[in-house]
Amino acid sequence: YCTAEDEAPDGRTDLLRVVFHTVESFSESLPELADEAAVRNTCFVYLCDNKLHLSEECSSMYLATLAEMKFNHNRATRNTTASSKRPLLRAAVLLHEQGATKTSRCRSVPPGLDADLTNFGKKLGEACKGSPVSGFVTSHFENPGLLYAAVQALARDMYRASSRCKLL
């Protein structure tokens, strides 16, 4: 759980619930997106250690889950009549950076990543083009406060994007 805002003007704030479904191997499928509401309430997060090069197996799994994610998104939103109302796919890479002292955000692929992760980041960016939640979030995974801040930043982006949808 995390708060939707640091400090709300009226002293109250919404509480956000974050639920993780892990996929660790090819034999596991991504959670299904049943409808447009599920698309709006789901953000796929890839965990990656910046110091490690993606193995061929890991790189293949990332690309396979990206294809599955796009397929599920298309299936869940295929009946949307106007393309402007079609909810966008939301996904990000949560990147471990040893020694980081703060959580940082980057919409595009940050420099210094290995070729496979750079390629995956570009494909993910294309799949999530225009999405309110996408890109890279860098944090130090061994620092619980920073890791929490990274997850909280993604949850708040999801909340703001969902709030905008309701207002329009």
N, C-alpha and C. Protein backbone atom coordinates (compact mmCIF):
# COMPACT_ATOMS: atom_id res chain seq x y z
N TYR A 1 0.83 -1.17 0.00
CA TYR A 1 0.00 0.00 0.00
C TYR A 1 0.88 1.24 0.00
N CYS A 2 0.37 2.31 -0.62
CA CYS A 2 1.05 3.59 -0.58
C CYS A 2 0.01 4.69 -0.76
N THR A 3 0.37 5.89 -0.39
CA THR A 3 -0.56 7.00 -0.52
C THR A 3 -0.53 7.55 -1.94
N ALA A 4 -1.65 8.13 -2.37
CA ALA A 4 -1.75 8.68 -3.72
C ALA A 4 -0.98 9.99 -3.86
N GLU A 5 -0.83 10.70 -2.76
CA GLU A 5 -0.11 11.97 -2.77
C GLU A 5 0.71 12.08 -1.49
N ASP A 6 1.77 12.91 -1.53
CA ASP A 6 2.53 13.12 -0.31
C ASP A 6 1.70 13.88 0.71
N GLU A 7 1.12 15.01 0.29
CA GLU A 7 0.26 15.78 1.16
C GLU A 7 -0.90 16.33 0.34
N ALA A 8 -2.09 15.92 0.68
CA ALA A 8 -3.28 16.44 0.02
C ALA A 8 -3.65 17.76 0.70
N PRO A 9 -4.20 18.72 -0.07
CA PRO A 9 -4.56 20.02 0.51
C PRO A 9 -5.52 19.91 1.70
N ASP A 10 -6.44 18.95 1.64
CA ASP A 10 -7.41 18.81 2.72
C ASP A 10 -6.94 17.86 3.83
N GLY A 11 -5.72 17.37 3.72
CA GLY A 11 -5.17 16.47 4.73
C GLY A 11 -5.52 15.01 4.53
N ARG A 12 -6.40 14.71 3.57
CA ARG A 12 -6.77 13.33 3.28
C ARG A 12 -6.19 12.94 1.93
N THR A 13 -5.96 11.67 1.77
CA THR A 13 -5.46 11.18 0.48
C THR A 13 -5.95 9.75 0.27
N ASP A 14 -6.01 9.36 -0.98
CA ASP A 14 -6.42 7.99 -1.30
C ASP A 14 -5.28 7.03 -1.01
N LEU A 15 -5.63 5.83 -0.68
CA LEU A 15 -4.65 4.78 -0.44
C LEU A 15 -4.63 3.88 -1.67
N LEU A 16 -3.45 3.62 -2.20
CA LEU A 16 -3.29 2.80 -3.39
C LEU A 16 -2.82 1.41 -3.00
N ARG A 17 -3.41 0.41 -3.61
CA ARG A 17 -3.00 -0.97 -3.35
C ARG A 17 -2.22 -1.48 -4.55
N VAL A 18 -1.06 -2.01 -4.30
CA VAL A 18 -0.21 -2.55 -5.35
C VAL A 18 -0.16 -4.07 -5.17
N VAL A 19 -0.48 -4.79 -6.23
CA VAL A 19 -0.47 -6.25 -6.20
C VAL A 19 0.51 -6.74 -7.26
N PHE A 20 1.38 -7.65 -6.88
CA PHE A 20 2.35 -8.20 -7.82
C PHE A 20 1.98 -9.62 -8.22
N HIS A 21 2.06 -9.91 -9.50
CA HIS A 21 1.95 -11.28 -10.03
C HIS A 21 3.27 -11.53 -10.73
N THR A 22 4.06 -12.45 -10.23
CA THR A 22 5.39 -12.67 -10.82
C THR A 22 5.34 -13.72 -11.92
N VAL A 23 6.15 -13.47 -12.92
CA VAL A 23 6.35 -14.42 -14.02
C VAL A 23 7.85 -14.66 -14.08
N GLU A 24 8.26 -15.88 -13.79
CA GLU A 24 9.69 -16.16 -13.69
C GLU A 24 10.21 -17.10 -14.77
N SER A 25 9.32 -17.69 -15.55
CA SER A 25 9.80 -18.62 -16.57
C SER A 25 8.81 -18.67 -17.73
N PHE A 26 9.26 -19.31 -18.81
CA PHE A 26 8.42 -19.43 -20.00
C PHE A 26 7.12 -20.19 -19.73
N SER A 27 7.13 -21.06 -18.74
CA SER A 27 5.94 -21.88 -18.48
C SER A 27 4.82 -21.09 -17.81
N GLU A 28 5.11 -19.88 -17.34
CA GLU A 28 4.10 -19.06 -16.69
C GLU A 28 3.57 -17.99 -17.64
N SER A 29 2.27 -17.79 -17.60
CA SER A 29 1.65 -16.77 -18.46
C SER A 29 1.45 -15.48 -17.68
N LEU A 30 1.32 -14.41 -18.43
CA LEU A 30 1.00 -13.12 -17.82
C LEU A 30 -0.45 -13.14 -17.36
N PRO A 31 -0.78 -12.32 -16.38
CA PRO A 31 -2.20 -12.21 -16.00
C PRO A 31 -3.00 -11.71 -17.20
N GLU A 32 -4.18 -12.26 -17.39
CA GLU A 32 -5.01 -11.90 -18.53
C GLU A 32 -5.66 -10.54 -18.29
N LEU A 33 -5.79 -9.78 -19.36
CA LEU A 33 -6.50 -8.52 -19.30
C LEU A 33 -7.91 -8.78 -19.82
N ALA A 34 -8.88 -8.81 -18.93
CA ALA A 34 -10.24 -9.21 -19.29
C ALA A 34 -10.99 -8.15 -20.09
N ASP A 35 -10.73 -6.88 -19.77
CA ASP A 35 -11.48 -5.81 -20.42
C ASP A 35 -10.70 -4.50 -20.31
N GLU A 36 -11.32 -3.40 -20.76
CA GLU A 36 -10.65 -2.11 -20.75
C GLU A 36 -10.31 -1.64 -19.33
N ALA A 37 -11.17 -1.94 -18.38
CA ALA A 37 -10.89 -1.55 -16.99
C ALA A 37 -9.63 -2.26 -16.50
N ALA A 38 -9.48 -3.52 -16.86
CA ALA A 38 -8.27 -4.26 -16.46
C ALA A 38 -7.03 -3.66 -17.10
N VAL A 39 -7.15 -3.20 -18.34
CA VAL A 39 -6.01 -2.56 -19.02
C VAL A 39 -5.62 -1.29 -18.27
N ARG A 40 -6.62 -0.49 -17.90
CA ARG A 40 -6.34 0.77 -17.19
C ARG A 40 -5.75 0.54 -15.79
N ASN A 41 -6.06 -0.60 -15.19
CA ASN A 41 -5.61 -0.87 -13.83
C ASN A 41 -4.38 -1.76 -13.75
N THR A 42 -3.75 -2.03 -14.90
CA THR A 42 -2.59 -2.93 -14.93
C THR A 42 -1.37 -2.22 -15.49
N CYS A 43 -0.26 -2.40 -14.81
CA CYS A 43 1.03 -1.95 -15.31
C CYS A 43 1.98 -3.13 -15.23
N PHE A 44 2.56 -3.48 -16.35
CA PHE A 44 3.54 -4.57 -16.38
C PHE A 44 4.90 -3.98 -16.04
N VAL A 45 5.57 -4.57 -15.07
CA VAL A 45 6.87 -4.06 -14.62
C VAL A 45 7.90 -5.16 -14.79
N TYR A 46 8.95 -4.86 -15.53
CA TYR A 46 10.07 -5.78 -15.73
C TYR A 46 11.19 -5.38 -14.78
N LEU A 47 11.66 -6.32 -14.00
CA LEU A 47 12.78 -6.07 -13.10
C LEU A 47 14.07 -6.45 -13.79
N CYS A 48 15.07 -5.58 -13.69
CA CYS A 48 16.33 -5.86 -14.36
C CYS A 48 17.49 -5.25 -13.59
N ASP A 49 18.58 -5.98 -13.51
CA ASP A 49 19.80 -5.48 -12.88
C ASP A 49 20.69 -4.90 -13.96
N ASN A 50 20.97 -3.62 -13.86
CA ASN A 50 21.77 -2.90 -14.85
C ASN A 50 23.19 -3.46 -15.00
N LYS A 51 23.74 -4.05 -13.95
CA LYS A 51 25.11 -4.55 -13.99
C LYS A 51 25.22 -5.89 -14.70
N LEU A 52 24.13 -6.62 -14.78
CA LEU A 52 24.15 -7.93 -15.42
C LEU A 52 23.70 -7.81 -16.87
N HIS A 53 24.35 -8.53 -17.74
CA HIS A 53 23.91 -8.56 -19.12
C HIS A 53 22.77 -9.57 -19.21
N LEU A 54 21.77 -9.23 -20.01
CA LEU A 54 20.66 -10.16 -20.17
C LEU A 54 21.17 -11.42 -20.85
N SER A 55 20.85 -12.54 -20.27
CA SER A 55 21.21 -13.79 -20.92
C SER A 55 20.27 -13.99 -22.10
N GLU A 56 20.62 -14.87 -22.99
CA GLU A 56 19.76 -15.14 -24.15
C GLU A 56 18.38 -15.61 -23.69
N GLU A 57 18.35 -16.45 -22.66
CA GLU A 57 17.07 -16.96 -22.15
C GLU A 57 16.22 -15.83 -21.59
N CYS A 58 16.84 -14.94 -20.81
CA CYS A 58 16.11 -13.83 -20.20
C CYS A 58 15.63 -12.86 -21.27
N SER A 59 16.48 -12.55 -22.22
CA SER A 59 16.11 -11.66 -23.31
C SER A 59 14.94 -12.23 -24.11
N SER A 60 15.00 -13.52 -24.40
CA SER A 60 13.91 -14.18 -25.12
C SER A 60 12.62 -14.14 -24.32
N MET A 61 12.72 -14.33 -23.00
CA MET A 61 11.53 -14.30 -22.16
C MET A 61 10.94 -12.90 -22.12
N TYR A 62 11.76 -11.88 -22.02
CA TYR A 62 11.27 -10.50 -22.04
C TYR A 62 10.50 -10.24 -23.34
N LEU A 63 11.09 -10.64 -24.47
CA LEU A 63 10.42 -10.40 -25.76
C LEU A 63 9.14 -11.22 -25.89
N ALA A 64 9.14 -12.45 -25.37
CA ALA A 64 7.94 -13.28 -25.42
C ALA A 64 6.83 -12.69 -24.56
N THR A 65 7.17 -12.19 -23.37
CA THR A 65 6.14 -11.59 -22.53
C THR A 65 5.65 -10.28 -23.12
N LEU A 66 6.51 -9.56 -23.82
CA LEU A 66 6.09 -8.34 -24.50
C LEU A 66 5.06 -8.68 -25.58
N ALA A 67 5.32 -9.72 -26.35
CA ALA A 67 4.37 -10.15 -27.39
C ALA A 67 3.04 -10.59 -26.75
N GLU A 68 3.12 -11.33 -25.65
CA GLU A 68 1.91 -11.78 -24.96
C GLU A 68 1.14 -10.58 -24.39
N MET A 69 1.86 -9.62 -23.86
CA MET A 69 1.26 -8.42 -23.30
C MET A 69 0.51 -7.65 -24.38
N LYS A 70 1.13 -7.48 -25.54
CA LYS A 70 0.49 -6.77 -26.65
C LYS A 70 -0.74 -7.53 -27.16
N PHE A 71 -0.64 -8.85 -27.23
CA PHE A 71 -1.77 -9.68 -27.66
C PHE A 71 -2.93 -9.53 -26.69
N ASN A 72 -2.66 -9.63 -25.38
CA ASN A 72 -3.72 -9.48 -24.37
C ASN A 72 -4.36 -8.10 -24.43
N HIS A 73 -3.53 -7.08 -24.64
CA HIS A 73 -4.04 -5.71 -24.73
C HIS A 73 -4.96 -5.56 -25.94
N ASN A 74 -4.53 -6.07 -27.08
CA ASN A 74 -5.35 -5.97 -28.29
C ASN A 74 -6.67 -6.72 -28.12
N ARG A 75 -6.62 -7.88 -27.51
CA ARG A 75 -7.83 -8.66 -27.30
C ARG A 75 -8.80 -7.94 -26.35
N ALA A 76 -8.27 -7.35 -25.29
CA ALA A 76 -9.12 -6.68 -24.30
C ALA A 76 -9.72 -5.38 -24.82
N THR A 77 -9.07 -4.77 -25.80
CA THR A 77 -9.54 -3.46 -26.28
C THR A 77 -10.07 -3.49 -27.72
N ARG A 78 -10.22 -4.66 -28.29
CA ARG A 78 -10.60 -4.74 -29.71
C ARG A 78 -11.99 -4.20 -30.00
N ASN A 79 -12.86 -4.16 -29.01
CA ASN A 79 -14.22 -3.67 -29.23
C ASN A 79 -14.38 -2.19 -28.96
N THR A 80 -13.29 -1.50 -28.66
CA THR A 80 -13.35 -0.06 -28.43
C THR A 80 -13.67 0.62 -29.75
N THR A 81 -14.71 1.44 -29.76
CA THR A 81 -15.16 2.03 -31.02
C THR A 81 -14.25 3.16 -31.49
N ALA A 82 -13.81 4.02 -30.60
CA ALA A 82 -12.94 5.13 -31.00
C ALA A 82 -11.52 4.88 -30.53
N SER A 83 -10.57 5.02 -31.44
CA SER A 83 -9.17 4.76 -31.06
C SER A 83 -8.70 5.73 -29.98
N SER A 84 -9.31 6.93 -29.91
CA SER A 84 -8.90 7.90 -28.89
C SER A 84 -9.33 7.47 -27.49
N LYS A 85 -10.32 6.57 -27.39
CA LYS A 85 -10.78 6.10 -26.08
C LYS A 85 -10.15 4.76 -25.70
N ARG A 86 -9.38 4.18 -26.59
CA ARG A 86 -8.74 2.88 -26.32
C ARG A 86 -7.66 3.06 -25.26
N PRO A 87 -7.77 2.34 -24.13
CA PRO A 87 -6.74 2.49 -23.09
C PRO A 87 -5.38 2.00 -23.59
N LEU A 88 -4.36 2.75 -23.25
CA LEU A 88 -3.01 2.42 -23.70
C LEU A 88 -2.36 1.39 -22.78
N LEU A 89 -1.48 0.62 -23.37
CA LEU A 89 -0.71 -0.37 -22.62
C LEU A 89 0.24 0.35 -21.68
N ARG A 90 0.34 -0.14 -20.46
CA ARG A 90 1.19 0.48 -19.45
C ARG A 90 2.25 -0.52 -18.99
N ALA A 91 3.50 -0.15 -19.17
CA ALA A 91 4.59 -1.04 -18.77
C ALA A 91 5.85 -0.22 -18.53
N ALA A 92 6.69 -0.72 -17.65
CA ALA A 92 7.94 -0.03 -17.34
C ALA A 92 9.01 -1.05 -16.96
N VAL A 93 10.25 -0.62 -17.04
CA VAL A 93 11.38 -1.43 -16.59
C VAL A 93 11.86 -0.81 -15.29
N LEU A 94 11.86 -1.60 -14.24
CA LEU A 94 12.41 -1.17 -12.96
C LEU A 94 13.84 -1.68 -12.93
N LEU A 95 14.77 -0.76 -12.99
CA LEU A 95 16.17 -1.06 -13.22
C LEU A 95 16.99 -0.87 -11.95
N HIS A 96 17.73 -1.91 -11.55
CA HIS A 96 18.60 -1.82 -10.38
C HIS A 96 19.88 -1.09 -10.75
N GLU A 97 20.21 -0.11 -9.94
CA GLU A 97 21.48 0.59 -10.11
C GLU A 97 22.20 0.61 -8.77
N GLN A 98 23.27 -0.17 -8.69
CA GLN A 98 24.04 -0.28 -7.45
C GLN A 98 24.52 1.09 -7.01
N GLY A 99 24.30 1.42 -5.76
CA GLY A 99 24.79 2.68 -5.21
C GLY A 99 23.90 3.88 -5.48
N ALA A 100 22.77 3.70 -6.15
CA ALA A 100 21.88 4.84 -6.41
C ALA A 100 21.41 5.41 -5.07
N THR A 101 21.32 6.73 -5.01
CA THR A 101 20.89 7.38 -3.77
C THR A 101 19.48 7.94 -3.89
N LYS A 102 18.89 7.83 -5.08
CA LYS A 102 17.51 8.28 -5.28
C LYS A 102 16.91 7.48 -6.43
N THR A 103 15.61 7.54 -6.52
CA THR A 103 14.89 6.90 -7.62
C THR A 103 14.81 7.90 -8.74
N SER A 104 15.10 7.47 -9.96
CA SER A 104 15.02 8.40 -11.10
C SER A 104 14.15 7.80 -12.20
N ARG A 105 13.61 8.66 -13.06
CA ARG A 105 12.70 8.25 -14.12
C ARG A 105 13.27 8.66 -15.47
N CYS A 106 12.99 7.87 -16.48
CA CYS A 106 13.45 8.17 -17.83
C CYS A 106 12.46 7.57 -18.81
N ARG A 107 11.87 8.36 -19.69
CA ARG A 107 10.90 7.85 -20.66
C ARG A 107 11.56 7.01 -21.76
N SER A 108 12.77 7.40 -22.14
CA SER A 108 13.47 6.67 -23.20
C SER A 108 14.52 5.75 -22.58
N VAL A 109 15.19 4.98 -23.43
CA VAL A 109 16.20 4.04 -22.96
C VAL A 109 17.41 4.82 -22.44
N PRO A 110 17.77 4.61 -21.17
CA PRO A 110 18.94 5.32 -20.64
C PRO A 110 20.23 4.81 -21.27
N PRO A 111 21.26 5.65 -21.34
CA PRO A 111 22.53 5.21 -21.91
C PRO A 111 23.23 4.20 -21.02
N GLY A 112 24.11 3.40 -21.62
CA GLY A 112 24.95 2.48 -20.87
C GLY A 112 24.37 1.10 -20.64
N LEU A 113 23.21 0.80 -21.22
CA LEU A 113 22.63 -0.54 -21.05
C LEU A 113 23.20 -1.47 -22.10
N ASP A 114 23.18 -2.78 -21.82
CA ASP A 114 23.67 -3.72 -22.82
C ASP A 114 22.72 -3.72 -24.03
N ALA A 115 23.18 -4.25 -25.13
CA ALA A 115 22.44 -4.19 -26.40
C ALA A 115 21.07 -4.86 -26.32
N ASP A 116 20.98 -6.01 -25.64
CA ASP A 116 19.70 -6.70 -25.54
C ASP A 116 18.68 -5.90 -24.75
N LEU A 117 19.10 -5.30 -23.64
CA LEU A 117 18.18 -4.50 -22.84
C LEU A 117 17.80 -3.21 -23.58
N THR A 118 18.74 -2.64 -24.30
CA THR A 118 18.44 -1.46 -25.11
C THR A 118 17.40 -1.80 -26.18
N ASN A 119 17.58 -2.93 -26.86
CA ASN A 119 16.63 -3.37 -27.88
C ASN A 119 15.26 -3.61 -27.26
N PHE A 120 15.22 -4.30 -26.11
CA PHE A 120 13.95 -4.54 -25.44
C PHE A 120 13.29 -3.22 -25.04
N GLY A 121 14.07 -2.30 -24.49
CA GLY A 121 13.53 -1.00 -24.06
C GLY A 121 12.90 -0.24 -25.21
N LYS A 122 13.52 -0.30 -26.38
CA LYS A 122 12.96 0.38 -27.56
C LYS A 122 11.64 -0.26 -27.98
N LYS A 123 11.59 -1.59 -27.98
CA LYS A 123 10.36 -2.30 -28.35
C LYS A 123 9.25 -2.02 -27.33
N LEU A 124 9.62 -1.98 -26.06
CA LEU A 124 8.64 -1.67 -25.02
C LEU A 124 8.12 -0.24 -25.19
N GLY A 125 9.01 0.67 -25.51
CA GLY A 125 8.61 2.06 -25.75
C GLY A 125 7.64 2.19 -26.91
N GLU A 126 7.88 1.43 -27.98
CA GLU A 126 6.98 1.44 -29.13
C GLU A 126 5.61 0.88 -28.75
N ALA A 127 5.59 -0.17 -27.95
CA ALA A 127 4.32 -0.80 -27.55
C ALA A 127 3.51 0.11 -26.63
N CYS A 128 4.19 0.95 -25.87
CA CYS A 128 3.51 1.81 -24.88
C CYS A 128 3.50 3.28 -25.30
N LYS A 129 3.70 3.54 -26.57
CA LYS A 129 3.78 4.92 -27.06
C LYS A 129 2.55 5.72 -26.64
N GLY A 130 2.80 6.87 -26.04
CA GLY A 130 1.72 7.74 -25.58
C GLY A 130 1.14 7.37 -24.23
N SER A 131 1.59 6.27 -23.65
CA SER A 131 1.06 5.81 -22.38
C SER A 131 1.51 6.72 -21.23
N PRO A 132 0.62 6.94 -20.25
CA PRO A 132 1.02 7.76 -19.10
C PRO A 132 2.00 7.03 -18.18
N VAL A 133 2.11 5.73 -18.33
CA VAL A 133 3.02 4.95 -17.50
C VAL A 133 3.89 4.10 -18.42
N SER A 134 5.14 4.51 -18.60
CA SER A 134 6.07 3.75 -19.43
C SER A 134 7.49 4.24 -19.16
N GLY A 135 8.46 3.55 -19.72
CA GLY A 135 9.84 3.97 -19.59
C GLY A 135 10.61 3.19 -18.55
N PHE A 136 11.62 3.82 -17.99
CA PHE A 136 12.53 3.20 -17.04
C PHE A 136 12.47 3.94 -15.70
N VAL A 137 12.47 3.16 -14.64
CA VAL A 137 12.58 3.70 -13.29
C VAL A 137 13.82 3.04 -12.70
N THR A 138 14.76 3.87 -12.28
CA THR A 138 16.02 3.36 -11.75
C THR A 138 16.03 3.50 -10.23
N SER A 139 16.45 2.44 -9.55
CA SER A 139 16.48 2.44 -8.10
C SER A 139 17.54 1.46 -7.61
N HIS A 140 17.87 1.56 -6.35
CA HIS A 140 18.80 0.63 -5.72
C HIS A 140 17.95 -0.43 -5.01
N PHE A 141 17.89 -1.65 -5.57
CA PHE A 141 17.00 -2.69 -5.07
C PHE A 141 17.31 -3.11 -3.63
N GLU A 142 18.56 -2.94 -3.21
CA GLU A 142 18.93 -3.37 -1.86
C GLU A 142 18.58 -2.34 -0.80
N ASN A 143 18.09 -1.18 -1.24
CA ASN A 143 17.65 -0.14 -0.32
C ASN A 143 16.12 -0.15 -0.30
N PRO A 144 15.51 -0.69 0.76
CA PRO A 144 14.06 -0.82 0.78
C PRO A 144 13.31 0.48 0.58
N GLY A 145 13.84 1.58 1.11
CA GLY A 145 13.19 2.89 0.95
C GLY A 145 13.16 3.34 -0.49
N LEU A 146 14.27 3.13 -1.20
CA LEU A 146 14.33 3.53 -2.61
C LEU A 146 13.47 2.62 -3.48
N LEU A 147 13.48 1.33 -3.18
CA LEU A 147 12.65 0.40 -3.94
C LEU A 147 11.17 0.73 -3.74
N TYR A 148 10.79 1.03 -2.51
CA TYR A 148 9.41 1.43 -2.22
C TYR A 148 9.07 2.71 -2.99
N ALA A 149 9.98 3.67 -3.01
CA ALA A 149 9.75 4.93 -3.73
C ALA A 149 9.54 4.69 -5.22
N ALA A 150 10.28 3.74 -5.79
CA ALA A 150 10.13 3.42 -7.21
C ALA A 150 8.76 2.81 -7.50
N VAL A 151 8.33 1.88 -6.67
CA VAL A 151 7.02 1.25 -6.84
C VAL A 151 5.93 2.29 -6.59
N GLN A 152 6.13 3.13 -5.59
CA GLN A 152 5.15 4.18 -5.29
C GLN A 152 5.02 5.15 -6.47
N ALA A 153 6.13 5.50 -7.12
CA ALA A 153 6.09 6.40 -8.27
C ALA A 153 5.25 5.79 -9.40
N LEU A 154 5.43 4.50 -9.66
CA LEU A 154 4.63 3.83 -10.69
C LEU A 154 3.15 3.79 -10.29
N ALA A 155 2.87 3.48 -9.02
CA ALA A 155 1.48 3.43 -8.55
C ALA A 155 0.82 4.80 -8.66
N ARG A 156 1.55 5.84 -8.33
CA ARG A 156 0.99 7.20 -8.42
C ARG A 156 0.74 7.59 -9.88
N ASP A 157 1.63 7.20 -10.77
CA ASP A 157 1.39 7.46 -12.20
C ASP A 157 0.11 6.77 -12.66
N MET A 158 -0.07 5.52 -12.23
CA MET A 158 -1.28 4.77 -12.58
C MET A 158 -2.51 5.49 -12.03
N TYR A 159 -2.43 5.95 -10.79
CA TYR A 159 -3.55 6.64 -10.14
C TYR A 159 -3.90 7.93 -10.90
N ARG A 160 -2.88 8.73 -11.21
CA ARG A 160 -3.12 9.99 -11.93
C ARG A 160 -3.73 9.72 -13.30
N ALA A 161 -3.23 8.70 -13.99
CA ALA A 161 -3.75 8.37 -15.31
C ALA A 161 -5.21 7.90 -15.21
N SER A 162 -5.52 7.10 -14.20
CA SER A 162 -6.90 6.62 -14.01
C SER A 162 -7.82 7.77 -13.62
N SER A 163 -7.32 8.69 -12.81
CA SER A 163 -8.12 9.85 -12.40
C SER A 163 -8.45 10.73 -13.58
N ARG A 164 -7.49 10.90 -14.50
CA ARG A 164 -7.73 11.70 -15.71
C ARG A 164 -8.79 11.05 -16.57
N CYS A 165 -8.76 9.71 -16.66
CA CYS A 165 -9.75 8.99 -17.47
C CYS A 165 -11.15 9.25 -16.94
N LYS A 166 -11.31 9.28 -15.63
CA LYS A 166 -12.63 9.49 -15.03
C LYS A 166 -13.11 10.93 -15.24
N LEU A 167 -12.16 11.87 -15.28
CA LEU A 167 -12.53 13.27 -15.43
C LEU A 167 -12.92 13.64 -16.85
N LEU A 168 -12.40 12.93 -17.82
CA LEU A 168 -12.67 13.28 -19.22
C LEU A 168 -14.05 12.90 -19.67
